[in-house]
Amino acid sequence: MHGTTRTRTPATPARTGLNAVVWVGPGRALVLRGDAAGATDEAELALPAELAATPAALAEVAHRVGRVDRVLVLGTDDLRTALEREIVAIGHAPETIREAELEGPVDRDALRARLRRLA
């Protein structure tokens, strides 16, 4: 019997050493992502007021998070839950997500401090 050798993707993806913190609130999202050099990459994205358009905007937020070991999602219950679903939908394992309710407006320095604590 002859067989072929196929490489398999690892069941658990290799760790990146990167983490992210996201705050989502009415009208905007803040994404802070650590990079390999220890710096912080920050992005602010507008969220539409119409609920029908929110999933596409949250998908963009999830893509901005990128591949990380852990992501802390902060914000109101409904937006936070919707964003977590988008993060899982693009391929993140659910166990990489941490969550906490945090009403806005939010201070960027507080988000940076939370990002440092994730490491």
PDB file of N, CA and C in Angstrom:
ATOM      1  N   MET A   1       0.844  -1.165   0.000  1.00  0.00           N
ATOM      2  CA  MET A   1       0.000   0.000   0.000  1.00  0.00           C
ATOM      3  C   MET A   1       0.897   1.238   0.000  1.00  0.00           C
ATOM      4  N   HIS A   2       0.617   2.151  -0.876  1.00  0.00           N
ATOM      5  CA  HIS A   2       1.407   3.373  -0.983  1.00  0.00           C
ATOM      6  C   HIS A   2       0.608   4.531  -0.425  1.00  0.00           C
ATOM      7  N   GLY A   3       1.287   5.407   0.250  1.00  0.00           N
ATOM      8  CA  GLY A   3       0.612   6.569   0.817  1.00  0.00           C
ATOM      9  C   GLY A   3       1.367   7.837   0.475  1.00  0.00           C
ATOM     10  N   THR A   4       0.762   8.899   0.745  1.00  0.00           N
ATOM     11  CA  THR A   4       1.418  10.186   0.539  1.00  0.00           C
ATOM     12  C   THR A   4       1.582  10.859   1.891  1.00  0.00           C
ATOM     13  N   THR A   5       2.546  11.707   1.952  1.00  0.00           N
ATOM     14  CA  THR A   5       2.778  12.455   3.178  1.00  0.00           C
ATOM     15  C   THR A   5       2.168  13.835   3.025  1.00  0.00           C
ATOM     16  N   ARG A   6       1.304  14.144   3.932  1.00  0.00           N
ATOM     17  CA  ARG A   6       0.675  15.470   3.935  1.00  0.00           C
ATOM     18  C   ARG A   6       1.021  16.172   5.235  1.00  0.00           C
ATOM     19  N   THR A   7       1.307  17.429   5.128  1.00  0.00           N
ATOM     20  CA  THR A   7       1.541  18.193   6.349  1.00  0.00           C
ATOM     21  C   THR A   7       0.197  18.614   6.908  1.00  0.00           C
ATOM     22  N   ARG A   8       0.108  18.623   8.192  1.00  0.00           N
ATOM     23  CA  ARG A   8      -1.123  19.034   8.851  1.00  0.00           C
ATOM     24  C   ARG A   8      -0.885  20.355   9.561  1.00  0.00           C
ATOM     25  N   THR A   9      -1.922  21.139   9.587  1.00  0.00           N
ATOM     26  CA  THR A   9      -1.820  22.376  10.349  1.00  0.00           C
ATOM     27  C   THR A   9      -1.895  22.013  11.825  1.00  0.00           C
ATOM     28  N   PRO A  10      -1.136  22.700  12.663  1.00  0.00           N
ATOM     29  CA  PRO A  10      -1.169  22.372  14.085  1.00  0.00           C
ATOM     30  C   PRO A  10      -2.553  22.599  14.661  1.00  0.00           C
ATOM     31  N   ALA A  11      -2.958  21.752  15.590  1.00  0.00           N
ATOM     32  CA  ALA A  11      -4.259  21.898  16.238  1.00  0.00           C
ATOM     33  C   ALA A  11      -4.314  23.197  17.028  1.00  0.00           C
ATOM     34  N   THR A  12      -3.204  23.557  17.633  1.00  0.00           N
ATOM     35  CA  THR A  12      -3.115  24.815  18.356  1.00  0.00           C
ATOM     36  C   THR A  12      -2.122  25.704  17.627  1.00  0.00           C
ATOM     37  N   PRO A  13      -2.570  26.861  17.125  1.00  0.00           N
ATOM     38  CA  PRO A  13      -1.650  27.736  16.404  1.00  0.00           C
ATOM     39  C   PRO A  13      -0.494  28.189  17.298  1.00  0.00           C
ATOM     40  N   ALA A  14       0.632  28.452  16.677  1.00  0.00           N
ATOM     41  CA  ALA A  14       1.801  28.924  17.426  1.00  0.00           C
ATOM     42  C   ALA A  14       1.478  30.264  18.076  1.00  0.00           C
ATOM     43  N   ARG A  15       2.011  30.453  19.254  1.00  0.00           N
ATOM     44  CA  ARG A  15       1.770  31.711  19.974  1.00  0.00           C
ATOM     45  C   ARG A  15       2.505  32.854  19.276  1.00  0.00           C
ATOM     46  N   THR A  16       1.885  34.019  19.300  1.00  0.00           N
ATOM     47  CA  THR A  16       2.469  35.183  18.645  1.00  0.00           C
ATOM     48  C   THR A  16       3.227  36.072  19.618  1.00  0.00           C
ATOM     49  N   GLY A  17       2.887  35.997  20.905  1.00  0.00           N
ATOM     50  CA  GLY A  17       3.480  36.902  21.882  1.00  0.00           C
ATOM     51  C   GLY A  17       2.832  38.276  21.859  1.00  0.00           C
ATOM     52  N   LEU A  18       1.768  38.429  21.072  1.00  0.00           N
ATOM     53  CA  LEU A  18       1.073  39.713  20.933  1.00  0.00           C
ATOM     54  C   LEU A  18      -0.300  39.641  21.590  1.00  0.00           C
ATOM     55  N   ASN A  19      -0.732  40.757  22.154  1.00  0.00           N
ATOM     56  CA  ASN A  19      -2.050  40.866  22.767  1.00  0.00           C
ATOM     57  C   ASN A  19      -2.724  42.136  22.280  1.00  0.00           C
ATOM     58  N   ALA A  20      -4.037  42.213  22.507  1.00  0.00           N
ATOM     59  CA  ALA A  20      -4.789  43.403  22.094  1.00  0.00           C
ATOM     60  C   ALA A  20      -5.868  43.724  23.115  1.00  0.00           C
ATOM     61  N   VAL A  21      -6.225  45.006  23.174  1.00  0.00           N
ATOM     62  CA  VAL A  21      -7.351  45.486  23.967  1.00  0.00           C
ATOM     63  C   VAL A  21      -8.244  46.274  23.029  1.00  0.00           C
ATOM     64  N   VAL A  22      -9.552  45.995  23.095  1.00  0.00           N
ATOM     65  CA  VAL A  22     -10.518  46.690  22.242  1.00  0.00           C
ATOM     66  C   VAL A  22     -11.617  47.255  23.124  1.00  0.00           C
ATOM     67  N   TRP A  23     -11.958  48.517  22.904  1.00  0.00           N
ATOM     68  CA  TRP A  23     -13.123  49.101  23.550  1.00  0.00           C
ATOM     69  C   TRP A  23     -14.114  49.445  22.448  1.00  0.00           C
ATOM     70  N   VAL A  24     -15.371  48.966  22.605  1.00  0.00           N
ATOM     71  CA  VAL A  24     -16.416  49.298  21.642  1.00  0.00           C
ATOM     72  C   VAL A  24     -17.546  50.006  22.380  1.00  0.00           C
ATOM     73  N   GLY A  25     -17.962  51.103  21.800  1.00  0.00           N
ATOM     74  CA  GLY A  25     -19.049  51.870  22.369  1.00  0.00           C
ATOM     75  C   GLY A  25     -19.853  52.489  21.250  1.00  0.00           C
ATOM     76  N   PRO A  26     -20.940  53.133  21.583  1.00  0.00           N
ATOM     77  CA  PRO A  26     -21.767  53.757  20.554  1.00  0.00           C
ATOM     78  C   PRO A  26     -20.957  54.755  19.727  1.00  0.00           C
ATOM     79  N   GLY A  27     -20.879  54.508  18.435  1.00  0.00           N
ATOM     80  CA  GLY A  27     -20.225  55.447  17.526  1.00  0.00           C
ATOM     81  C   GLY A  27     -18.761  55.207  17.236  1.00  0.00           C
ATOM     82  N   ARG A  28     -18.037  54.452  18.089  1.00  0.00           N
ATOM     83  CA  ARG A  28     -16.616  54.255  17.807  1.00  0.00           C
ATOM     84  C   ARG A  28     -16.055  53.031  18.523  1.00  0.00           C
ATOM     85  N   ALA A  29     -14.897  52.603  18.016  1.00  0.00           N
ATOM     86  CA  ALA A  29     -14.145  51.503  18.626  1.00  0.00           C
ATOM     87  C   ALA A  29     -12.680  51.908  18.679  1.00  0.00           C
ATOM     88  N   LEU A  30     -12.024  51.555  19.758  1.00  0.00           N
ATOM     89  CA  LEU A  30     -10.592  51.783  19.903  1.00  0.00           C
ATOM     90  C   LEU A  30      -9.903  50.422  19.970  1.00  0.00           C
ATOM     91  N   VAL A  31      -8.893  50.229  19.128  1.00  0.00           N
ATOM     92  CA  VAL A  31      -8.140  48.979  19.099  1.00  0.00           C
ATOM     93  C   VAL A  31      -6.690  49.308  19.444  1.00  0.00           C
ATOM     94  N   LEU A  32      -6.178  48.716  20.505  1.00  0.00           N
ATOM     95  CA  LEU A  32      -4.777  48.857  20.884  1.00  0.00           C
ATOM     96  C   LEU A  32      -4.159  47.475  20.801  1.00  0.00           C
ATOM     97  N   ARG A  33      -3.093  47.378  20.046  1.00  0.00           N
ATOM     98  CA  ARG A  33      -2.456  46.087  19.797  1.00  0.00           C
ATOM     99  C   ARG A  33      -0.969  46.231  20.068  1.00  0.00           C
ATOM    100  N   GLY A  34      -0.441  45.332  20.883  1.00  0.00           N
ATOM    101  CA  GLY A  34       0.988  45.333  21.144  1.00  0.00           C
ATOM    102  C   GLY A  34       1.722  44.791  19.933  1.00  0.00           C
ATOM    103  N   ASP A  35       2.946  45.262  19.699  1.00  0.00           N
ATOM    104  CA  ASP A  35       3.735  44.701  18.600  1.00  0.00           C
ATOM    105  C   ASP A  35       4.961  43.994  19.170  1.00  0.00           C
ATOM    106  N   ALA A  36       5.716  43.345  18.321  1.00  0.00           N
ATOM    107  CA  ALA A  36       6.852  42.532  18.756  1.00  0.00           C
ATOM    108  C   ALA A  36       7.930  43.359  19.454  1.00  0.00           C
ATOM    109  N   ALA A  37       8.027  44.636  19.120  1.00  0.00           N
ATOM    110  CA  ALA A  37       9.045  45.509  19.723  1.00  0.00           C
ATOM    111  C   ALA A  37       8.605  46.076  21.066  1.00  0.00           C
ATOM    112  N   GLY A  38       7.369  45.786  21.488  1.00  0.00           N
ATOM    113  CA  GLY A  38       6.867  46.305  22.748  1.00  0.00           C
ATOM    114  C   GLY A  38       6.120  47.618  22.621  1.00  0.00           C
ATOM    115  N   ALA A  39       6.003  48.127  21.415  1.00  0.00           N
ATOM    116  CA  ALA A  39       5.253  49.360  21.187  1.00  0.00           C
ATOM    117  C   ALA A  39       3.763  49.031  21.063  1.00  0.00           C
ATOM    118  N   THR A  40       2.955  50.064  21.028  1.00  0.00           N
ATOM    119  CA  THR A  40       1.507  49.885  20.908  1.00  0.00           C
ATOM    120  C   THR A  40       1.016  50.517  19.620  1.00  0.00           C
ATOM    121  N   ASP A  41       0.298  49.725  18.828  1.00  0.00           N
ATOM    122  CA  ASP A  41      -0.339  50.216  17.613  1.00  0.00           C
ATOM    123  C   ASP A  41      -1.782  50.534  17.976  1.00  0.00           C
ATOM    124  N   GLU A  42      -2.225  51.757  17.690  1.00  0.00           N
ATOM    125  CA  GLU A  42      -3.571  52.192  18.066  1.00  0.00           C
ATOM    126  C   GLU A  42      -4.371  52.572  16.831  1.00  0.00           C
ATOM    127  N   ALA A  43      -5.651  52.192  16.845  1.00  0.00           N
ATOM    128  CA  ALA A  43      -6.552  52.571  15.755  1.00  0.00           C
ATOM    129  C   ALA A  43      -7.907  52.931  16.344  1.00  0.00           C
ATOM    130  N   GLU A  44      -8.507  53.961  15.778  1.00  0.00           N
ATOM    131  CA  GLU A  44      -9.860  54.348  16.159  1.00  0.00           C
ATOM    132  C   GLU A  44     -10.732  54.200  14.922  1.00  0.00           C
ATOM    133  N   LEU A  45     -11.823  53.461  15.059  1.00  0.00           N
ATOM    134  CA  LEU A  45     -12.729  53.225  13.933  1.00  0.00           C
ATOM    135  C   LEU A  45     -14.117  53.724  14.291  1.00  0.00           C
ATOM    136  N   ALA A  46     -14.756  54.352  13.327  1.00  0.00           N
ATOM    137  CA  ALA A  46     -16.126  54.816  13.522  1.00  0.00           C
ATOM    138  C   ALA A  46     -17.084  53.650  13.374  1.00  0.00           C
ATOM    139  N   LEU A  47     -18.088  53.601  14.235  1.00  0.00           N
ATOM    140  CA  LEU A  47     -19.155  52.607  14.119  1.00  0.00           C
ATOM    141  C   LEU A  47     -20.422  53.336  13.699  1.00  0.00           C
ATOM    142  N   PRO A  48     -21.140  52.796  12.723  1.00  0.00           N
ATOM    143  CA  PRO A  48     -22.347  53.474  12.245  1.00  0.00           C
ATOM    144  C   PRO A  48     -23.453  53.479  13.294  1.00  0.00           C
ATOM    145  N   ALA A  49     -24.288  54.492  13.211  1.00  0.00           N
ATOM    146  CA  ALA A  49     -25.411  54.600  14.137  1.00  0.00           C
ATOM    147  C   ALA A  49     -26.503  53.569  13.826  1.00  0.00           C
ATOM    148  N   GLU A  50     -26.598  53.167  12.542  1.00  0.00           N
ATOM    149  CA  GLU A  50     -27.627  52.204  12.159  1.00  0.00           C
ATOM    150  C   GLU A  50     -27.195  50.807  12.575  1.00  0.00           C
ATOM    151  N   LEU A  51     -28.047  50.106  13.321  1.00  0.00           N
ATOM    152  CA  LEU A  51     -27.709  48.768  13.792  1.00  0.00           C
ATOM    153  C   LEU A  51     -27.502  47.792  12.647  1.00  0.00           C
ATOM    154  N   ALA A  52     -28.173  47.975  11.531  1.00  0.00           N
ATOM    155  CA  ALA A  52     -28.037  47.057  10.398  1.00  0.00           C
ATOM    156  C   ALA A  52     -26.633  47.095   9.807  1.00  0.00           C
ATOM    157  N   ALA A  53     -25.955  48.225   9.918  1.00  0.00           N
ATOM    158  CA  ALA A  53     -24.613  48.359   9.348  1.00  0.00           C
ATOM    159  C   ALA A  53     -23.509  48.011  10.347  1.00  0.00           C
ATOM    160  N   THR A  54     -23.862  47.799  11.598  1.00  0.00           N
ATOM    161  CA  THR A  54     -22.868  47.538  12.634  1.00  0.00           C
ATOM    162  C   THR A  54     -22.065  46.252  12.414  1.00  0.00           C
ATOM    163  N   PRO A  55     -22.657  45.117  11.992  1.00  0.00           N
ATOM    164  CA  PRO A  55     -21.839  43.902  11.824  1.00  0.00           C
ATOM    165  C   PRO A  55     -20.655  44.072  10.874  1.00  0.00           C
ATOM    166  N   ALA A  56     -20.822  44.758   9.780  1.00  0.00           N
ATOM    167  CA  ALA A  56     -19.699  44.973   8.860  1.00  0.00           C
ATOM    168  C   ALA A  56     -18.607  45.812   9.524  1.00  0.00           C
ATOM    169  N   ALA A  57     -18.987  46.809  10.282  1.00  0.00           N
ATOM    170  CA  ALA A  57     -18.008  47.643  10.983  1.00  0.00           C
ATOM    171  C   ALA A  57     -17.296  46.846  12.064  1.00  0.00           C
ATOM    172  N   LEU A  58     -18.021  45.976  12.773  1.00  0.00           N
ATOM    173  CA  LEU A  58     -17.400  45.151  13.798  1.00  0.00           C
ATOM    174  C   LEU A  58     -16.464  44.115  13.181  1.00  0.00           C
ATOM    175  N   ALA A  59     -16.767  43.654  11.982  1.00  0.00           N
ATOM    176  CA  ALA A  59     -15.852  42.747  11.279  1.00  0.00           C
ATOM    177  C   ALA A  59     -14.538  43.459  10.988  1.00  0.00           C
ATOM    178  N   GLU A  60     -14.602  44.728  10.619  1.00  0.00           N
ATOM    179  CA  GLU A  60     -13.382  45.505  10.388  1.00  0.00           C
ATOM    180  C   GLU A  60     -12.582  45.654  11.681  1.00  0.00           C
ATOM    181  N   VAL A  61     -13.263  45.875  12.789  1.00  0.00           N
ATOM    182  CA  VAL A  61     -12.593  45.963  14.088  1.00  0.00           C
ATOM    183  C   VAL A  61     -11.901  44.630  14.399  1.00  0.00           C
ATOM    184  N   ALA A  62     -12.594  43.525  14.175  1.00  0.00           N
ATOM    185  CA  ALA A  62     -12.019  42.193  14.435  1.00  0.00           C
ATOM    186  C   ALA A  62     -10.777  41.963  13.581  1.00  0.00           C
ATOM    187  N   HIS A  63     -10.808  42.396  12.332  1.00  0.00           N
ATOM    188  CA  HIS A  63      -9.643  42.239  11.465  1.00  0.00           C
ATOM    189  C   HIS A  63      -8.481  43.118  11.930  1.00  0.00           C
ATOM    190  N   ARG A  64      -8.777  44.283  12.491  1.00  0.00           N
ATOM    191  CA  ARG A  64      -7.719  45.159  13.016  1.00  0.00           C
ATOM    192  C   ARG A  64      -7.016  44.521  14.213  1.00  0.00           C
ATOM    193  N   VAL A  65      -7.757  43.710  14.975  1.00  0.00           N
ATOM    194  CA  VAL A  65      -7.145  43.003  16.105  1.00  0.00           C
ATOM    195  C   VAL A  65      -6.055  42.082  15.585  1.00  0.00           C
ATOM    196  N   GLY A  66      -6.329  41.416  14.470  1.00  0.00           N
ATOM    197  CA  GLY A  66      -5.340  40.522  13.881  1.00  0.00           C
ATOM    198  C   GLY A  66      -5.119  39.274  14.708  1.00  0.00           C
ATOM    199  N   ARG A  67      -4.018  38.613  14.449  1.00  0.00           N
ATOM    200  CA  ARG A  67      -3.696  37.368  15.146  1.00  0.00           C
ATOM    201  C   ARG A  67      -2.947  37.705  16.422  1.00  0.00           C
ATOM    202  N   VAL A  68      -3.559  37.415  17.546  1.00  0.00           N
ATOM    203  CA  VAL A  68      -2.969  37.685  18.856  1.00  0.00           C
ATOM    204  C   VAL A  68      -3.199  36.479  19.768  1.00  0.00           C
ATOM    205  N   ASP A  69      -2.441  36.439  20.850  1.00  0.00           N
ATOM    206  CA  ASP A  69      -2.629  35.369  21.824  1.00  0.00           C
ATOM    207  C   ASP A  69      -3.848  35.618  22.699  1.00  0.00           C
ATOM    208  N   ARG A  70      -4.045  36.876  23.096  1.00  0.00           N
ATOM    209  CA  ARG A  70      -5.179  37.246  23.930  1.00  0.00           C
ATOM    210  C   ARG A  70      -5.734  38.584  23.479  1.00  0.00           C
ATOM    211  N   VAL A  71      -7.040  38.708  23.575  1.00  0.00           N
ATOM    212  CA  VAL A  71      -7.685  39.987  23.280  1.00  0.00           C
ATOM    213  C   VAL A  71      -8.699  40.264  24.385  1.00  0.00           C
ATOM    214  N   LEU A  72      -8.595  41.450  24.971  1.00  0.00           N
ATOM    215  CA  LEU A  72      -9.536  41.894  25.990  1.00  0.00           C
ATOM    216  C   LEU A  72     -10.544  42.793  25.306  1.00  0.00           C
ATOM    217  N   VAL A  73     -11.816  42.423  25.387  1.00  0.00           N
ATOM    218  CA  VAL A  73     -12.882  43.194  24.756  1.00  0.00           C
ATOM    219  C   VAL A  73     -13.664  43.907  25.851  1.00  0.00           C
ATOM    220  N   LEU A  74     -13.698  45.236  25.756  1.00  0.00           N
ATOM    221  CA  LEU A  74     -14.378  46.079  26.728  1.00  0.00           C
ATOM    222  C   LEU A  74     -15.482  46.855  26.037  1.00  0.00           C
ATOM    223  N   GLY A  75     -16.523  47.182  26.778  1.00  0.00           N
ATOM    224  CA  GLY A  75     -17.589  47.995  26.218  1.00  0.00           C
ATOM    225  C   GLY A  75     -18.944  47.565  26.731  1.00  0.00           C
ATOM    226  N   THR A  76     -19.968  48.048  26.064  1.00  0.00           N
ATOM    227  CA  THR A  76     -21.328  47.711  26.458  1.00  0.00           C
ATOM    228  C   THR A  76     -21.641  46.264  26.076  1.00  0.00           C
ATOM    229  N   ASP A  77     -22.573  45.663  26.793  1.00  0.00           N
ATOM    230  CA  ASP A  77     -22.897  44.243  26.599  1.00  0.00           C
ATOM    231  C   ASP A  77     -23.197  43.878  25.159  1.00  0.00           C
ATOM    232  N   ASP A  78     -24.095  44.618  24.512  1.00  0.00           N
ATOM    233  CA  ASP A  78     -24.532  44.232  23.166  1.00  0.00           C
ATOM    234  C   ASP A  78     -23.411  44.354  22.132  1.00  0.00           C
ATOM    235  N   LEU A  79     -22.660  45.435  22.162  1.00  0.00           N
ATOM    236  CA  LEU A  79     -21.561  45.606  21.212  1.00  0.00           C
ATOM    237  C   LEU A  79     -20.405  44.651  21.502  1.00  0.00           C
ATOM    238  N   ARG A  80     -20.137  44.435  22.770  1.00  0.00           N
ATOM    239  CA  ARG A  80     -19.050  43.537  23.152  1.00  0.00           C
ATOM    240  C   ARG A  80     -19.350  42.107  22.682  1.00  0.00           C
ATOM    241  N   THR A  81     -20.565  41.658  22.905  1.00  0.00           N
ATOM    242  CA  THR A  81     -20.949  40.309  22.472  1.00  0.00           C
ATOM    243  C   THR A  81     -20.892  40.178  20.956  1.00  0.00           C
ATOM    244  N   ALA A  82     -21.371  41.189  20.247  1.00  0.00           N
ATOM    245  CA  ALA A  82     -21.334  41.153  18.779  1.00  0.00           C
ATOM    246  C   ALA A  82     -19.897  41.123  18.268  1.00  0.00           C
ATOM    247  N   LEU A  83     -19.011  41.905  18.890  1.00  0.00           N
ATOM    248  CA  LEU A  83     -17.610  41.912  18.469  1.00  0.00           C
ATOM    249  C   LEU A  83     -16.948  40.567  18.762  1.00  0.00           C
ATOM    250  N   GLU A  84     -17.236  39.982  19.902  1.00  0.00           N
ATOM    251  CA  GLU A  84     -16.668  38.668  20.230  1.00  0.00           C
ATOM    252  C   GLU A  84     -17.074  37.630  19.186  1.00  0.00           C
ATOM    253  N   ARG A  85     -18.307  37.686  18.732  1.00  0.00           N
ATOM    254  CA  ARG A  85     -18.768  36.760  17.686  1.00  0.00           C
ATOM    255  C   ARG A  85     -17.984  36.973  16.395  1.00  0.00           C
ATOM    256  N   GLU A  86     -17.728  38.214  16.049  1.00  0.00           N
ATOM    257  CA  GLU A  86     -16.943  38.505  14.840  1.00  0.00           C
ATOM    258  C   GLU A  86     -15.510  38.011  14.973  1.00  0.00           C
ATOM    259  N   ILE A  87     -14.935  38.189  16.146  1.00  0.00           N
ATOM    260  CA  ILE A  87     -13.560  37.735  16.371  1.00  0.00           C
ATOM    261  C   ILE A  87     -13.468  36.223  16.198  1.00  0.00           C
ATOM    262  N   VAL A  88     -14.434  35.497  16.731  1.00  0.00           N
ATOM    263  CA  VAL A  88     -14.448  34.038  16.576  1.00  0.00           C
ATOM    264  C   VAL A  88     -14.713  33.667  15.120  1.00  0.00           C
ATOM    265  N   ALA A  89     -15.569  34.413  14.449  1.00  0.00           N
ATOM    266  CA  ALA A  89     -15.915  34.110  13.055  1.00  0.00           C
ATOM    267  C   ALA A  89     -14.722  34.231  12.114  1.00  0.00           C
ATOM    268  N   ILE A  90     -13.779  35.116  12.421  1.00  0.00           N
ATOM    269  CA  ILE A  90     -12.619  35.249  11.531  1.00  0.00           C
ATOM    270  C   ILE A  90     -11.507  34.265  11.874  1.00  0.00           C
ATOM    271  N   GLY A  91     -11.748  33.398  12.860  1.00  0.00           N
ATOM    272  CA  GLY A  91     -10.799  32.321  13.109  1.00  0.00           C
ATOM    273  C   GLY A  91     -10.086  32.324  14.433  1.00  0.00           C
ATOM    274  N   HIS A  92     -10.402  33.233  15.317  1.00  0.00           N
ATOM    275  CA  HIS A  92      -9.777  33.211  16.635  1.00  0.00           C
ATOM    276  C   HIS A  92     -10.459  32.153  17.502  1.00  0.00           C
ATOM    277  N   ALA A  93      -9.701  31.501  18.329  1.00  0.00           N
ATOM    278  CA  ALA A  93     -10.269  30.548  19.270  1.00  0.00           C
ATOM    279  C   ALA A  93     -10.979  31.320  20.377  1.00  0.00           C
ATOM    280  N   PRO A  94     -12.166  30.866  20.790  1.00  0.00           N
ATOM    281  CA  PRO A  94     -12.909  31.606  21.823  1.00  0.00           C
ATOM    282  C   PRO A  94     -12.134  31.789  23.120  1.00  0.00           C
ATOM    283  N   GLU A  95     -11.231  30.867  23.437  1.00  0.00           N
ATOM    284  CA  GLU A  95     -10.495  30.984  24.699  1.00  0.00           C
ATOM    285  C   GLU A  95      -9.453  32.102  24.679  1.00  0.00           C
ATOM    286  N   THR A  96      -9.202  32.703  23.543  1.00  0.00           N
ATOM    287  CA  THR A  96      -8.277  33.838  23.498  1.00  0.00           C
ATOM    288  C   THR A  96      -8.944  35.135  23.952  1.00  0.00           C
ATOM    289  N   ILE A  97     -10.274  35.131  24.062  1.00  0.00           N
ATOM    290  CA  ILE A  97     -11.020  36.350  24.362  1.00  0.00           C
ATOM    291  C   ILE A  97     -11.264  36.483  25.860  1.00  0.00           C
ATOM    292  N   ARG A  98     -10.951  37.655  26.378  1.00  0.00           N
ATOM    293  CA  ARG A  98     -11.303  38.049  27.740  1.00  0.00           C
ATOM    294  C   ARG A  98     -12.296  39.184  27.585  1.00  0.00           C
ATOM    295  N   GLU A  99     -13.172  39.369  28.572  1.00  0.00           N
ATOM    296  CA  GLU A  99     -14.152  40.439  28.443  1.00  0.00           C
ATOM    297  C   GLU A  99     -14.408  41.117  29.775  1.00  0.00           C
ATOM    298  N   ALA A 100     -14.865  42.369  29.682  1.00  0.00           N
ATOM    299  CA  ALA A 100     -15.271  43.133  30.853  1.00  0.00           C
ATOM    300  C   ALA A 100     -16.176  44.257  30.386  1.00  0.00           C
ATOM    301  N   GLU A 101     -17.168  44.558  31.203  1.00  0.00           N
ATOM    302  CA  GLU A 101     -18.057  45.661  30.857  1.00  0.00           C
ATOM    303  C   GLU A 101     -17.392  46.958  31.273  1.00  0.00           C
ATOM    304  N   LEU A 102     -17.341  47.897  30.357  1.00  0.00           N
ATOM    305  CA  LEU A 102     -16.736  49.199  30.625  1.00  0.00           C
ATOM    306  C   LEU A 102     -17.453  50.227  29.774  1.00  0.00           C
ATOM    307  N   GLU A 103     -18.259  51.031  30.413  1.00  0.00           N
ATOM    308  CA  GLU A 103     -18.984  52.073  29.697  1.00  0.00           C
ATOM    309  C   GLU A 103     -18.008  53.184  29.321  1.00  0.00           C
ATOM    310  N   GLY A 104     -18.312  53.907  28.259  1.00  0.00           N
ATOM    311  CA  GLY A 104     -17.436  54.969  27.787  1.00  0.00           C
ATOM    312  C   GLY A 104     -17.878  56.309  28.301  1.00  0.00           C
ATOM    313  N   PRO A 105     -17.230  57.364  27.935  1.00  0.00           N
ATOM    314  CA  PRO A 105     -16.017  57.363  27.118  1.00  0.00           C
ATOM    315  C   PRO A 105     -14.854  56.767  27.905  1.00  0.00           C
ATOM    316  N   VAL A 106     -13.874  56.286  27.180  1.00  0.00           N
ATOM    317  CA  VAL A 106     -12.764  55.580  27.804  1.00  0.00           C
ATOM    318  C   VAL A 106     -11.460  56.336  27.555  1.00  0.00           C
ATOM    319  N   ASP A 107     -10.551  56.219  28.480  1.00  0.00           N
ATOM    320  CA  ASP A 107      -9.259  56.891  28.405  1.00  0.00           C
ATOM    321  C   ASP A 107      -8.238  55.952  27.755  1.00  0.00           C
ATOM    322  N   ARG A 108      -7.505  56.442  26.771  1.00  0.00           N
ATOM    323  CA  ARG A 108      -6.503  55.609  26.077  1.00  0.00           C
ATOM    324  C   ARG A 108      -5.413  55.127  27.024  1.00  0.00           C
ATOM    325  N   ASP A 109      -5.040  55.952  27.998  1.00  0.00           N
ATOM    326  CA  ASP A 109      -4.014  55.536  28.947  1.00  0.00           C
ATOM    327  C   ASP A 109      -4.468  54.331  29.767  1.00  0.00           C
ATOM    328  N   ALA A 110      -5.751  54.308  30.126  1.00  0.00           N
ATOM    329  CA  ALA A 110      -6.290  53.159  30.863  1.00  0.00           C
ATOM    330  C   ALA A 110      -6.256  51.902  29.998  1.00  0.00           C
ATOM    331  N   LEU A 111      -6.526  52.052  28.695  1.00  0.00           N
ATOM    332  CA  LEU A 111      -6.465  50.898  27.792  1.00  0.00           C
ATOM    333  C   LEU A 111      -5.025  50.416  27.627  1.00  0.00           C
ATOM    334  N   ARG A 112      -4.077  51.343  27.549  1.00  0.00           N
ATOM    335  CA  ARG A 112      -2.665  50.952  27.457  1.00  0.00           C
ATOM    336  C   ARG A 112      -2.236  50.165  28.697  1.00  0.00           C
ATOM    337  N   ALA A 113      -2.700  50.610  29.861  1.00  0.00           N
ATOM    338  CA  ALA A 113      -2.371  49.908  31.108  1.00  0.00           C
ATOM    339  C   ALA A 113      -2.955  48.498  31.102  1.00  0.00           C
ATOM    340  N   ARG A 114      -4.165  48.351  30.610  1.00  0.00           N
ATOM    341  CA  ARG A 114      -4.774  47.008  30.527  1.00  0.00           C
ATOM    342  C   ARG A 114      -4.020  46.127  29.536  1.00  0.00           C
ATOM    343  N   LEU A 115      -3.543  46.709  28.450  1.00  0.00           N
ATOM    344  CA  LEU A 115      -2.771  45.952  27.470  1.00  0.00           C
ATOM    345  C   LEU A 115      -1.473  45.439  28.099  1.00  0.00           C
ATOM    346  N   ARG A 116      -0.822  46.283  28.879  1.00  0.00           N
ATOM    347  CA  ARG A 116       0.421  45.859  29.551  1.00  0.00           C
ATOM    348  C   ARG A 116       0.161  44.725  30.534  1.00  0.00           C
ATOM    349  N   ARG A 117      -1.003  44.758  31.231  1.00  0.00           N
ATOM    350  CA  ARG A 117      -1.332  43.707  32.194  1.00  0.00           C
ATOM    351  C   ARG A 117      -1.651  42.376  31.525  1.00  0.00           C
ATOM    352  N   LEU A 118      -2.057  42.397  30.263  1.00  0.00           N
ATOM    353  CA  LEU A 118      -2.345  41.144  29.543  1.00  0.00           C
ATOM    354  C   LEU A 118      -1.080  40.337  29.288  1.00  0.00           C
ATOM    355  N   ALA A 119       0.041  41.016  29.161  1.00  0.00           N
ATOM    356  CA  ALA A 119       1.298  40.338  28.806  1.00  0.00           C
ATOM    357  C   ALA A 119       1.770  39.373  29.859  1.00  0.00           C
TER     358      ALA A 119
END
